[in-house]
Amino acid sequence: MDGTEVRVRRPGANGRGRRAFVSGKMRQNTKKATVVTDEQGRTLWAGAFRPGRVHDQTAVKTVGICDLFERYPAVRAEVDAHYGGLAKQFPD
């Protein structure tokens, strides 16, 4: 499970949320998506689209993936360092 960023056109000068799309990492206007794959890299799910400045872990919590981990404790996930809080919440 990981988040990926895609560059998007900058919202209009007077548009709402203009700054929300600026990614700190890429320093550009982006949108992020959370992607879940199997062991062989095949995409199982792609979603949780959000503005570029929203943290990966925040999207996982707001979409309800954390709830699924609680409901199905036998499911395992491999994540990167951006999901540190998730690893503390689900140490196994």
Protein backbone atom coordinates (compact mmCIF):
# COMPACT_ATOMS: atom_id res chain seq x y z
CA MET A 1 0.00 0.00 0.00
CA ASP A 2 1.38 3.38 -0.95
CA GLY A 3 0.39 6.84 -2.10
CA THR A 4 1.33 8.21 -5.49
CA GLU A 5 1.26 11.78 -6.77
CA VAL A 6 0.14 12.99 -10.19
CA ARG A 7 0.73 16.53 -11.42
CA VAL A 8 -2.42 18.52 -12.18
CA ARG A 9 -3.13 21.92 -13.64
CA ARG A 10 -3.10 24.72 -11.14
CA PRO A 11 -6.58 25.86 -10.06
CA GLY A 12 -7.68 29.34 -11.20
CA ALA A 13 -6.34 32.44 -9.45
CA ASN A 14 -9.51 33.07 -7.46
CA GLY A 15 -10.52 29.43 -7.13
CA ARG A 16 -11.16 27.75 -3.80
CA GLY A 17 -8.48 25.40 -2.57
CA ARG A 18 -5.75 26.77 -4.80
CA ARG A 19 -3.05 26.12 -2.19
CA ALA A 20 -4.44 22.72 -1.18
CA PHE A 21 -2.98 21.08 -4.26
CA VAL A 22 0.62 22.18 -3.70
CA SER A 23 2.66 19.17 -2.66
CA GLY A 24 5.52 19.82 -0.24
CA LYS A 25 7.54 16.99 -1.73
CA MET A 26 7.12 17.84 -5.41
CA ARG A 27 6.63 21.60 -4.89
CA GLN A 28 4.02 21.50 -7.62
CA ASN A 29 0.26 21.14 -7.92
CA THR A 30 -0.59 17.48 -7.47
CA LYS A 31 -3.30 15.06 -6.50
CA LYS A 32 -2.57 11.87 -4.57
CA ALA A 33 -4.09 8.43 -4.78
CA THR A 34 -3.67 5.46 -2.48
CA VAL A 35 -2.83 2.23 -4.32
CA VAL A 36 -3.03 -1.30 -2.93
CA THR A 37 -1.31 -4.18 -4.75
CA ASP A 38 -0.77 -7.88 -4.18
CA GLU A 39 2.61 -9.57 -3.68
CA GLN A 40 3.28 -9.59 -7.43
CA GLY A 41 2.53 -5.89 -7.91
CA ARG A 42 -0.91 -6.30 -9.48
CA THR A 43 -3.25 -3.44 -8.61
CA LEU A 44 -6.07 -4.51 -6.29
CA TRP A 45 -7.47 -1.05 -5.53
CA ALA A 46 -6.69 2.54 -6.39
CA GLY A 47 -8.64 5.34 -4.78
CA ALA A 48 -8.71 7.80 -1.87
CA PHE A 49 -7.95 10.69 -4.21
CA ARG A 50 -7.07 13.88 -2.36
CA PRO A 51 -5.15 17.17 -2.79
CA GLY A 52 -1.36 16.91 -2.94
CA ARG A 53 -0.63 18.35 0.48
CA VAL A 54 -2.72 15.75 2.36
CA HIS A 55 -0.59 13.09 4.07
CA ASP A 56 -0.76 9.47 2.88
CA GLN A 57 -1.80 8.21 6.30
CA THR A 58 -4.63 10.76 6.55
CA ALA A 59 -6.21 9.37 3.40
CA VAL A 60 -6.05 5.82 4.75
CA LYS A 61 -7.88 6.89 7.89
CA THR A 62 -10.54 9.00 6.18
CA VAL A 63 -11.37 6.37 3.56
CA GLY A 64 -11.84 3.66 6.20
CA ILE A 65 -8.91 1.36 5.49
CA CYS A 66 -7.97 1.47 9.19
CA ASP A 67 -11.45 0.21 10.01
CA LEU A 68 -10.91 -2.72 7.66
CA PHE A 69 -7.66 -3.64 9.42
CA GLU A 70 -9.55 -3.71 12.72
CA ARG A 71 -12.36 -5.78 11.23
CA TYR A 72 -10.04 -8.28 9.50
CA PRO A 73 -6.96 -8.72 11.74
CA ALA A 74 -5.59 -11.57 9.59
CA VAL A 75 -4.94 -9.15 6.69
CA ARG A 76 -1.34 -7.97 6.46
CA ALA A 77 0.01 -4.92 4.65
CA GLU A 78 3.47 -3.73 3.76
CA VAL A 79 3.83 0.05 3.92
CA ASP A 80 6.62 2.60 3.74
CA ALA A 81 7.83 5.07 6.38
CA HIS A 82 5.01 7.54 5.61
CA TYR A 83 2.60 5.25 7.45
CA GLY A 84 4.45 5.26 10.79
CA GLY A 85 1.34 6.01 12.83
CA LEU A 86 -0.48 3.16 11.14
CA ALA A 87 2.32 0.78 12.14
CA LYS A 88 1.97 1.91 15.76
CA GLN A 89 -1.79 1.41 15.65
CA PHE A 90 -1.41 -2.09 14.13
CA PRO A 91 1.97 -3.42 15.37
CA ASP A 92 1.43 -6.90 13.92
